[in-house]
Amino acid sequence: MDTRIQFRVDEETKRLAQQMAESQGRTLSDACRDLTQQLAEQQRQAMSHDTWLFEQVNTAFNKLDKGHAVFVSHDEAKSRMATYKNKIHNQGK
């Protein structure tokens, strides 16, 4: 079911926005609909990332609780990350 969104802007803003939309072969309603859909997609992506991060954190805590966590020093972590970055960087060549 579609829903209606209403908001107020001054006449000058509306006129200029309509001119810009028309210059692109669209209506102002089309432009507002596109922006709303883009914002909704950005929110979907943010929610998806939040879910993924939540799962990763829970997995890490489960490993810790079961005694399966492996800890490395800061220097070792930096070294591993540098190796990983170099591997990714060299894949593009």
PDB file of N, CA and C in Angstrom:
ATOM      1  N   MET A   1       0.840  -1.184   0.000  1.00  0.00           N
ATOM      2  CA  MET A   1       0.000   0.000   0.000  1.00  0.00           C
ATOM      3  C   MET A   1       0.883   1.244   0.000  1.00  0.00           C
ATOM      4  N   ASP A   2       0.618   2.140  -0.912  1.00  0.00           N
ATOM      5  CA  ASP A   2       1.370   3.390  -0.966  1.00  0.00           C
ATOM      6  C   ASP A   2       0.864   4.347   0.096  1.00  0.00           C
ATOM      7  N   THR A   3       1.732   5.211   0.533  1.00  0.00           N
ATOM      8  CA  THR A   3       1.357   6.208   1.525  1.00  0.00           C
ATOM      9  C   THR A   3       1.759   7.585   1.015  1.00  0.00           C
ATOM     10  N   ARG A   4       1.125   8.599   1.503  1.00  0.00           N
ATOM     11  CA  ARG A   4       1.387   9.968   1.073  1.00  0.00           C
ATOM     12  C   ARG A   4       2.276  10.654   2.107  1.00  0.00           C
ATOM     13  N   ILE A   5       3.265  11.385   1.624  1.00  0.00           N
ATOM     14  CA  ILE A   5       4.137  12.184   2.491  1.00  0.00           C
ATOM     15  C   ILE A   5       3.913  13.642   2.126  1.00  0.00           C
ATOM     16  N   GLN A   6       3.683  14.467   3.116  1.00  0.00           N
ATOM     17  CA  GLN A   6       3.485  15.891   2.874  1.00  0.00           C
ATOM     18  C   GLN A   6       4.462  16.674   3.735  1.00  0.00           C
ATOM     19  N   PHE A   7       4.981  17.752   3.174  1.00  0.00           N
ATOM     20  CA  PHE A   7       5.834  18.657   3.938  1.00  0.00           C
ATOM     21  C   PHE A   7       5.710  20.048   3.325  1.00  0.00           C
ATOM     22  N   ARG A   8       6.143  21.035   4.039  1.00  0.00           N
ATOM     23  CA  ARG A   8       6.001  22.414   3.573  1.00  0.00           C
ATOM     24  C   ARG A   8       7.376  23.022   3.286  1.00  0.00           C
ATOM     25  N   VAL A   9       7.436  23.744   2.173  1.00  0.00           N
ATOM     26  CA  VAL A   9       8.598  24.564   1.830  1.00  0.00           C
ATOM     27  C   VAL A   9       8.071  25.879   1.278  1.00  0.00           C
ATOM     28  N   ASP A  10       8.922  26.875   1.270  1.00  0.00           N
ATOM     29  CA  ASP A  10       8.473  28.160   0.738  1.00  0.00           C
ATOM     30  C   ASP A  10       8.322  28.077  -0.784  1.00  0.00           C
ATOM     31  N   GLU A  11       7.556  29.010  -1.348  1.00  0.00           N
ATOM     32  CA  GLU A  11       7.226  28.992  -2.779  1.00  0.00           C
ATOM     33  C   GLU A  11       8.479  29.045  -3.654  1.00  0.00           C
ATOM     34  N   GLU A  12       9.455  29.843  -3.275  1.00  0.00           N
ATOM     35  CA  GLU A  12      10.684  29.972  -4.078  1.00  0.00           C
ATOM     36  C   GLU A  12      11.426  28.646  -4.146  1.00  0.00           C
ATOM     37  N   THR A  13      11.532  27.966  -3.017  1.00  0.00           N
ATOM     38  CA  THR A  13      12.207  26.663  -2.992  1.00  0.00           C
ATOM     39  C   THR A  13      11.467  25.672  -3.869  1.00  0.00           C
ATOM     40  N   LYS A  14      10.150  25.665  -3.774  1.00  0.00           N
ATOM     41  CA  LYS A  14       9.347  24.758  -4.589  1.00  0.00           C
ATOM     42  C   LYS A  14       9.525  25.060  -6.069  1.00  0.00           C
ATOM     43  N   ARG A  15       9.488  26.326  -6.433  1.00  0.00           N
ATOM     44  CA  ARG A  15       9.629  26.717  -7.830  1.00  0.00           C
ATOM     45  C   ARG A  15      10.982  26.292  -8.394  1.00  0.00           C
ATOM     46  N   LEU A  16      12.034  26.563  -7.654  1.00  0.00           N
ATOM     47  CA  LEU A  16      13.380  26.198  -8.108  1.00  0.00           C
ATOM     48  C   LEU A  16      13.545  24.681  -8.208  1.00  0.00           C
ATOM     49  N   ALA A  17      13.007  23.965  -7.225  1.00  0.00           N
ATOM     50  CA  ALA A  17      13.102  22.502  -7.244  1.00  0.00           C
ATOM     51  C   ALA A  17      12.333  21.929  -8.430  1.00  0.00           C
ATOM     52  N   GLN A  18      11.169  22.493  -8.716  1.00  0.00           N
ATOM     53  CA  GLN A  18      10.396  22.034  -9.865  1.00  0.00           C
ATOM     54  C   GLN A  18      11.157  22.290 -11.162  1.00  0.00           C
ATOM     55  N   GLN A  19      11.788  23.446 -11.270  1.00  0.00           N
ATOM     56  CA  GLN A  19      12.568  23.758 -12.472  1.00  0.00           C
ATOM     57  C   GLN A  19      13.701  22.753 -12.664  1.00  0.00           C
ATOM     58  N   MET A  20      14.394  22.432 -11.573  1.00  0.00           N
ATOM     59  CA  MET A  20      15.500  21.486 -11.668  1.00  0.00           C
ATOM     60  C   MET A  20      14.992  20.106 -12.056  1.00  0.00           C
ATOM     61  N   ALA A  21      13.920  19.673 -11.433  1.00  0.00           N
ATOM     62  CA  ALA A  21      13.358  18.362 -11.745  1.00  0.00           C
ATOM     63  C   ALA A  21      12.921  18.307 -13.211  1.00  0.00           C
ATOM     64  N   GLU A  22      12.250  19.347 -13.668  1.00  0.00           N
ATOM     65  CA  GLU A  22      11.792  19.383 -15.057  1.00  0.00           C
ATOM     66  C   GLU A  22      12.955  19.388 -16.035  1.00  0.00           C
ATOM     67  N   SER A  23      14.058  20.038 -15.664  1.00  0.00           N
ATOM     68  CA  SER A  23      15.227  20.057 -16.553  1.00  0.00           C
ATOM     69  C   SER A  23      15.836  18.662 -16.696  1.00  0.00           C
ATOM     70  N   GLN A  24      15.511  17.778 -15.751  1.00  0.00           N
ATOM     71  CA  GLN A  24      15.985  16.394 -15.778  1.00  0.00           C
ATOM     72  C   GLN A  24      14.919  15.450 -16.316  1.00  0.00           C
ATOM     73  N   GLY A  25      13.815  16.024 -16.804  1.00  0.00           N
ATOM     74  CA  GLY A  25      12.739  15.204 -17.355  1.00  0.00           C
ATOM     75  C   GLY A  25      11.918  14.484 -16.298  1.00  0.00           C
ATOM     76  N   ARG A  26      11.891  15.040 -15.094  1.00  0.00           N
ATOM     77  CA  ARG A  26      11.143  14.422 -14.000  1.00  0.00           C
ATOM     78  C   ARG A  26      10.221  15.435 -13.371  1.00  0.00           C
ATOM     79  N   THR A  27       9.308  14.937 -12.562  1.00  0.00           N
ATOM     80  CA  THR A  27       8.478  15.831 -11.767  1.00  0.00           C
ATOM     81  C   THR A  27       9.116  15.967 -10.385  1.00  0.00           C
ATOM     82  N   LEU A  28       8.666  16.965  -9.660  1.00  0.00           N
ATOM     83  CA  LEU A  28       9.151  17.137  -8.293  1.00  0.00           C
ATOM     84  C   LEU A  28       8.752  15.938  -7.442  1.00  0.00           C
ATOM     85  N   SER A  29       7.587  15.390  -7.688  1.00  0.00           N
ATOM     86  CA  SER A  29       7.156  14.188  -6.963  1.00  0.00           C
ATOM     87  C   SER A  29       8.088  13.018  -7.250  1.00  0.00           C
ATOM     88  N   ASP A  30       8.505  12.871  -8.507  1.00  0.00           N
ATOM     89  CA  ASP A  30       9.457  11.812  -8.864  1.00  0.00           C
ATOM     90  C   ASP A  30      10.757  11.978  -8.083  1.00  0.00           C
ATOM     91  N   ALA A  31      11.256  13.214  -8.041  1.00  0.00           N
ATOM     92  CA  ALA A  31      12.516  13.482  -7.346  1.00  0.00           C
ATOM     93  C   ALA A  31      12.388  13.191  -5.852  1.00  0.00           C
ATOM     94  N   CYS A  32      11.278  13.600  -5.253  1.00  0.00           N
ATOM     95  CA  CYS A  32      11.059  13.339  -3.819  1.00  0.00           C
ATOM     96  C   CYS A  32      10.932  11.843  -3.557  1.00  0.00           C
ATOM     97  N   ARG A  33      10.239  11.141  -4.453  1.00  0.00           N
ATOM     98  CA  ARG A  33      10.089   9.685  -4.309  1.00  0.00           C
ATOM     99  C   ARG A  33      11.459   9.005  -4.401  1.00  0.00           C
ATOM    100  N   ASP A  34      12.268   9.430  -5.377  1.00  0.00           N
ATOM    101  CA  ASP A  34      13.606   8.843  -5.530  1.00  0.00           C
ATOM    102  C   ASP A  34      14.459   9.075  -4.283  1.00  0.00           C
ATOM    103  N   LEU A  35      14.422  10.286  -3.750  1.00  0.00           N
ATOM    104  CA  LEU A  35      15.194  10.581  -2.542  1.00  0.00           C
ATOM    105  C   LEU A  35      14.715   9.725  -1.373  1.00  0.00           C
ATOM    106  N   THR A  36      13.414   9.589  -1.223  1.00  0.00           N
ATOM    107  CA  THR A  36      12.860   8.775  -0.133  1.00  0.00           C
ATOM    108  C   THR A  36      13.299   7.323  -0.271  1.00  0.00           C
ATOM    109  N   GLN A  37      13.285   6.806  -1.495  1.00  0.00           N
ATOM    110  CA  GLN A  37      13.710   5.429  -1.726  1.00  0.00           C
ATOM    111  C   GLN A  37      15.203   5.258  -1.454  1.00  0.00           C
ATOM    112  N   GLN A  38      16.008   6.252  -1.824  1.00  0.00           N
ATOM    113  CA  GLN A  38      17.443   6.191  -1.536  1.00  0.00           C
ATOM    114  C   GLN A  38      17.696   6.178  -0.028  1.00  0.00           C
ATOM    115  N   LEU A  39      16.996   7.033   0.695  1.00  0.00           N
ATOM    116  CA  LEU A  39      17.152   7.067   2.153  1.00  0.00           C
ATOM    117  C   LEU A  39      16.746   5.741   2.780  1.00  0.00           C
ATOM    118  N   ALA A  40      15.662   5.151   2.285  1.00  0.00           N
ATOM    119  CA  ALA A  40      15.218   3.861   2.815  1.00  0.00           C
ATOM    120  C   ALA A  40      16.259   2.781   2.547  1.00  0.00           C
ATOM    121  N   GLU A  41      16.860   2.786   1.361  1.00  0.00           N
ATOM    122  CA  GLU A  41      17.892   1.790   1.037  1.00  0.00           C
ATOM    123  C   GLU A  41      19.123   1.975   1.921  1.00  0.00           C
ATOM    124  N   GLN A  42      19.504   3.216   2.176  1.00  0.00           N
ATOM    125  CA  GLN A  42      20.631   3.474   3.080  1.00  0.00           C
ATOM    126  C   GLN A  42      20.334   2.938   4.473  1.00  0.00           C
ATOM    127  N   GLN A  43      19.095   3.103   4.926  1.00  0.00           N
ATOM    128  CA  GLN A  43      18.713   2.589   6.244  1.00  0.00           C
ATOM    129  C   GLN A  43      18.739   1.069   6.259  1.00  0.00           C
ATOM    130  N   ARG A  44      18.270   0.437   5.175  1.00  0.00           N
ATOM    131  CA  ARG A  44      18.327  -1.030   5.089  1.00  0.00           C
ATOM    132  C   ARG A  44      19.772  -1.513   5.197  1.00  0.00           C
ATOM    133  N   GLN A  45      20.676  -0.834   4.497  1.00  0.00           N
ATOM    134  CA  GLN A  45      22.083  -1.221   4.542  1.00  0.00           C
ATOM    135  C   GLN A  45      22.670  -1.035   5.934  1.00  0.00           C
ATOM    136  N   ALA A  46      22.321   0.060   6.579  1.00  0.00           N
ATOM    137  CA  ALA A  46      22.808   0.311   7.943  1.00  0.00           C
ATOM    138  C   ALA A  46      22.295  -0.763   8.899  1.00  0.00           C
ATOM    139  N   MET A  47      21.021  -1.123   8.757  1.00  0.00           N
ATOM    140  CA  MET A  47      20.451  -2.149   9.633  1.00  0.00           C
ATOM    141  C   MET A  47      21.103  -3.506   9.367  1.00  0.00           C
ATOM    142  N   SER A  48      21.381  -3.795   8.108  1.00  0.00           N
ATOM    143  CA  SER A  48      22.036  -5.049   7.752  1.00  0.00           C
ATOM    144  C   SER A  48      23.433  -5.104   8.362  1.00  0.00           C
ATOM    145  N   HIS A  49      24.152  -3.989   8.289  1.00  0.00           N
ATOM    146  CA  HIS A  49      25.495  -3.943   8.874  1.00  0.00           C
ATOM    147  C   HIS A  49      25.429  -4.104  10.387  1.00  0.00           C
ATOM    148  N   ASP A  50      24.457  -3.446  11.018  1.00  0.00           N
ATOM    149  CA  ASP A  50      24.301  -3.567  12.472  1.00  0.00           C
ATOM    150  C   ASP A  50      24.048  -5.018  12.874  1.00  0.00           C
ATOM    151  N   THR A  51      23.221  -5.719  12.096  1.00  0.00           N
ATOM    152  CA  THR A  51      22.934  -7.124  12.379  1.00  0.00           C
ATOM    153  C   THR A  51      24.195  -7.954  12.241  1.00  0.00           C
ATOM    154  N   TRP A  52      24.951  -7.725  11.153  1.00  0.00           N
ATOM    155  CA  TRP A  52      26.206  -8.447  10.931  1.00  0.00           C
ATOM    156  C   TRP A  52      27.177  -8.193  12.090  1.00  0.00           C
ATOM    157  N   LEU A  53      27.328  -6.935  12.494  1.00  0.00           N
ATOM    158  CA  LEU A  53      28.254  -6.601  13.574  1.00  0.00           C
ATOM    159  C   LEU A  53      27.827  -7.253  14.877  1.00  0.00           C
ATOM    160  N   PHE A  54      26.546  -7.239  15.183  1.00  0.00           N
ATOM    161  CA  PHE A  54      26.015  -7.870  16.379  1.00  0.00           C
ATOM    162  C   PHE A  54      26.374  -9.358  16.392  1.00  0.00           C
ATOM    163  N   GLU A  55      26.205 -10.018  15.234  1.00  0.00           N
ATOM    164  CA  GLU A  55      26.531 -11.445  15.136  1.00  0.00           C
ATOM    165  C   GLU A  55      28.029 -11.688  15.333  1.00  0.00           C
ATOM    166  N   GLN A  56      28.863 -10.816  14.783  1.00  0.00           N
ATOM    167  CA  GLN A  56      30.310 -10.973  14.936  1.00  0.00           C
ATOM    168  C   GLN A  56      30.733 -10.831  16.394  1.00  0.00           C
ATOM    169  N   VAL A  57      30.151  -9.846  17.072  1.00  0.00           N
ATOM    170  CA  VAL A  57      30.477  -9.632  18.487  1.00  0.00           C
ATOM    171  C   VAL A  57      30.026 -10.827  19.316  1.00  0.00           C
ATOM    172  N   ASN A  58      28.820 -11.326  19.054  1.00  0.00           N
ATOM    173  CA  ASN A  58      28.336 -12.498  19.791  1.00  0.00           C
ATOM    174  C   ASN A  58      29.204 -13.720  19.541  1.00  0.00           C
ATOM    175  N   THR A  59      29.642 -13.913  18.298  1.00  0.00           N
ATOM    176  CA  THR A  59      30.533 -15.031  17.978  1.00  0.00           C
ATOM    177  C   THR A  59      31.830 -14.919  18.761  1.00  0.00           C
ATOM    178  N   ALA A  60      32.381 -13.721  18.833  1.00  0.00           N
ATOM    179  CA  ALA A  60      33.628 -13.514  19.578  1.00  0.00           C
ATOM    180  C   ALA A  60      33.441 -13.815  21.061  1.00  0.00           C
ATOM    181  N   PHE A  61      32.344 -13.354  21.639  1.00  0.00           N
ATOM    182  CA  PHE A  61      32.097 -13.623  23.058  1.00  0.00           C
ATOM    183  C   PHE A  61      31.838 -15.106  23.310  1.00  0.00           C
ATOM    184  N   ASN A  62      31.178 -15.773  22.377  1.00  0.00           N
ATOM    185  CA  ASN A  62      30.968 -17.218  22.521  1.00  0.00           C
ATOM    186  C   ASN A  62      32.301 -17.959  22.513  1.00  0.00           C
ATOM    187  N   LYS A  63      33.227 -17.556  21.631  1.00  0.00           N
ATOM    188  CA  LYS A  63      34.557 -18.164  21.612  1.00  0.00           C
ATOM    189  C   LYS A  63      35.261 -17.934  22.946  1.00  0.00           C
ATOM    190  N   LEU A  64      35.140 -16.719  23.451  1.00  0.00           N
ATOM    191  CA  LEU A  64      35.772 -16.386  24.727  1.00  0.00           C
ATOM    192  C   LEU A  64      35.193 -17.244  25.841  1.00  0.00           C
ATOM    193  N   ASP A  65      33.873 -17.363  25.886  1.00  0.00           N
ATOM    194  CA  ASP A  65      33.217 -18.161  26.925  1.00  0.00           C
ATOM    195  C   ASP A  65      33.622 -19.631  26.871  1.00  0.00           C
ATOM    196  N   LYS A  66      33.865 -20.159  25.674  1.00  0.00           N
ATOM    197  CA  LYS A  66      34.221 -21.566  25.505  1.00  0.00           C
ATOM    198  C   LYS A  66      35.727 -21.812  25.622  1.00  0.00           C
ATOM    199  N   GLY A  67      36.469 -20.731  25.824  1.00  0.00           N
ATOM    200  CA  GLY A  67      37.924 -20.882  25.944  1.00  0.00           C
ATOM    201  C   GLY A  67      38.617 -21.070  24.608  1.00  0.00           C
ATOM    202  N   HIS A  68      37.948 -20.736  23.516  1.00  0.00           N
ATOM    203  CA  HIS A  68      38.529 -20.904  22.188  1.00  0.00           C
ATOM    204  C   HIS A  68      39.114 -19.614  21.627  1.00  0.00           C
ATOM    205  N   ALA A  69      39.085 -18.548  22.395  1.00  0.00           N
ATOM    206  CA  ALA A  69      39.605 -17.265  21.920  1.00  0.00           C
ATOM    207  C   ALA A  69      41.126 -17.299  21.924  1.00  0.00           C
ATOM    208  N   VAL A  70      41.706 -16.695  20.902  1.00  0.00           N
ATOM    209  CA  VAL A  70      43.157 -16.599  20.787  1.00  0.00           C
ATOM    210  C   VAL A  70      43.521 -15.123  20.821  1.00  0.00           C
ATOM    211  N   PHE A  71      44.367 -14.759  21.746  1.00  0.00           N
ATOM    212  CA  PHE A  71      44.778 -13.373  21.877  1.00  0.00           C
ATOM    213  C   PHE A  71      46.179 -13.204  21.318  1.00  0.00           C
ATOM    214  N   VAL A  72      46.394 -12.076  20.633  1.00  0.00           N
ATOM    215  CA  VAL A  72      47.719 -11.762  20.089  1.00  0.00           C
ATOM    216  C   VAL A  72      48.118 -10.380  20.584  1.00  0.00           C
ATOM    217  N   SER A  73      49.412 -10.133  20.594  1.00  0.00           N
ATOM    218  CA  SER A  73      49.903  -8.831  21.034  1.00  0.00           C
ATOM    219  C   SER A  73      49.546  -7.762  19.996  1.00  0.00           C
ATOM    220  N   HIS A  74      49.653  -6.533  20.419  1.00  0.00           N
ATOM    221  CA  HIS A  74      49.372  -5.414  19.521  1.00  0.00           C
ATOM    222  C   HIS A  74      50.312  -5.446  18.315  1.00  0.00           C
ATOM    223  N   ASP A  75      51.581  -5.701  18.567  1.00  0.00           N
ATOM    224  CA  ASP A  75      52.554  -5.752  17.469  1.00  0.00           C
ATOM    225  C   ASP A  75      52.237  -6.879  16.492  1.00  0.00           C
ATOM    226  N   GLU A  76      51.819  -8.031  17.013  1.00  0.00           N
ATOM    227  CA  GLU A  76      51.460  -9.148  16.144  1.00  0.00           C
ATOM    228  C   GLU A  76      50.222  -8.804  15.313  1.00  0.00           C
ATOM    229  N   ALA A  77      49.253  -8.152  15.939  1.00  0.00           N
ATOM    230  CA  ALA A  77      48.041  -7.754  15.217  1.00  0.00           C
ATOM    231  C   ALA A  77      48.376  -6.759  14.107  1.00  0.00           C
ATOM    232  N   LYS A  78      49.257  -5.797  14.398  1.00  0.00           N
ATOM    233  CA  LYS A  78      49.676  -4.840  13.376  1.00  0.00           C
ATOM    234  C   LYS A  78      50.389  -5.538  12.230  1.00  0.00           C
ATOM    235  N   SER A  79      51.236  -6.492  12.554  1.00  0.00           N
ATOM    236  CA  SER A  79      51.963  -7.235  11.525  1.00  0.00           C
ATOM    237  C   SER A  79      51.004  -8.030  10.653  1.00  0.00           C
ATOM    238  N   ARG A  80      50.068  -8.712  11.264  1.00  0.00           N
ATOM    239  CA  ARG A  80      49.088  -9.484  10.498  1.00  0.00           C
ATOM    240  C   ARG A  80      48.255  -8.585   9.590  1.00  0.00           C
ATOM    241  N   MET A  81      47.868  -7.422  10.117  1.00  0.00           N
ATOM    242  CA  MET A  81      47.061  -6.494   9.320  1.00  0.00           C
ATOM    243  C   MET A  81      47.872  -5.956   8.145  1.00  0.00           C
ATOM    244  N   ALA A  82      49.123  -5.655   8.364  1.00  0.00           N
ATOM    245  CA  ALA A  82      49.973  -5.172   7.268  1.00  0.00           C
ATOM    246  C   ALA A  82      50.101  -6.232   6.184  1.00  0.00           C
ATOM    247  N   THR A  83      50.297  -7.478   6.588  1.00  0.00           N
ATOM    248  CA  THR A  83      50.384  -8.579   5.619  1.00  0.00           C
ATOM    249  C   THR A  83      49.086  -8.703   4.846  1.00  0.00           C
ATOM    250  N   TYR A  84      47.971  -8.621   5.528  1.00  0.00           N
ATOM    251  CA  TYR A  84      46.648  -8.725   4.903  1.00  0.00           C
ATOM    252  C   TYR A  84      46.426  -7.582   3.906  1.00  0.00           C
ATOM    253  N   LYS A  85      46.787  -6.351   4.309  1.00  0.00           N
ATOM    254  CA  LYS A  85      46.630  -5.202   3.421  1.00  0.00           C
ATOM    255  C   LYS A  85      47.491  -5.337   2.175  1.00  0.00           C
ATOM    256  N   ASN A  86      48.723  -5.800   2.350  1.00  0.00           N
ATOM    257  CA  ASN A  86      49.612  -5.988   1.205  1.00  0.00           C
ATOM    258  C   ASN A  86      49.059  -7.030   0.243  1.00  0.00           C
ATOM    259  N   LYS A  87      48.505  -8.094   0.783  1.00  0.00           N
ATOM    260  CA  LYS A  87      47.915  -9.142  -0.048  1.00  0.00           C
ATOM    261  C   LYS A  87      46.775  -8.576  -0.887  1.00  0.00           C
ATOM    262  N   ILE A  88      45.899  -7.796  -0.255  1.00  0.00           N
ATOM    263  CA  ILE A  88      44.777  -7.192  -0.974  1.00  0.00           C
ATOM    264  C   ILE A  88      45.291  -6.198  -2.018  1.00  0.00           C
ATOM    265  N   HIS A  89      46.247  -5.382  -1.627  1.00  0.00           N
ATOM    266  CA  HIS A  89      46.801  -4.371  -2.527  1.00  0.00           C
ATOM    267  C   HIS A  89      47.436  -5.018  -3.764  1.00  0.00           C
ATOM    268  N   ASN A  90      48.113  -6.117  -3.565  1.00  0.00           N
ATOM    269  CA  ASN A  90      48.813  -6.787  -4.668  1.00  0.00           C
ATOM    270  C   ASN A  90      47.885  -7.593  -5.563  1.00  0.00           C
ATOM    271  N   GLN A  91      46.662  -7.882  -5.118  1.00  0.00           N
ATOM    272  CA  GLN A  91      45.708  -8.615  -5.945  1.00  0.00           C
ATOM    273  C   GLN A  91      45.274  -7.795  -7.150  1.00  0.00           C
ATOM    274  N   GLY A  92      45.245  -6.492  -6.995  1.00  0.00           N
ATOM    275  CA  GLY A  92      44.800  -5.603  -8.071  1.00  0.00           C
ATOM    276  C   GLY A  92      45.862  -5.390  -9.138  1.00  0.00           C
ATOM    277  N   LYS A  93      47.032  -5.915  -8.941  1.00  0.00           N
ATOM    278  CA  LYS A  93      48.130  -5.653  -9.901  1.00  0.00           C
ATOM    279  C   LYS A  93      48.315  -6.802 -10.845  1.00  0.00           C
TER     280      LYS A  93
END
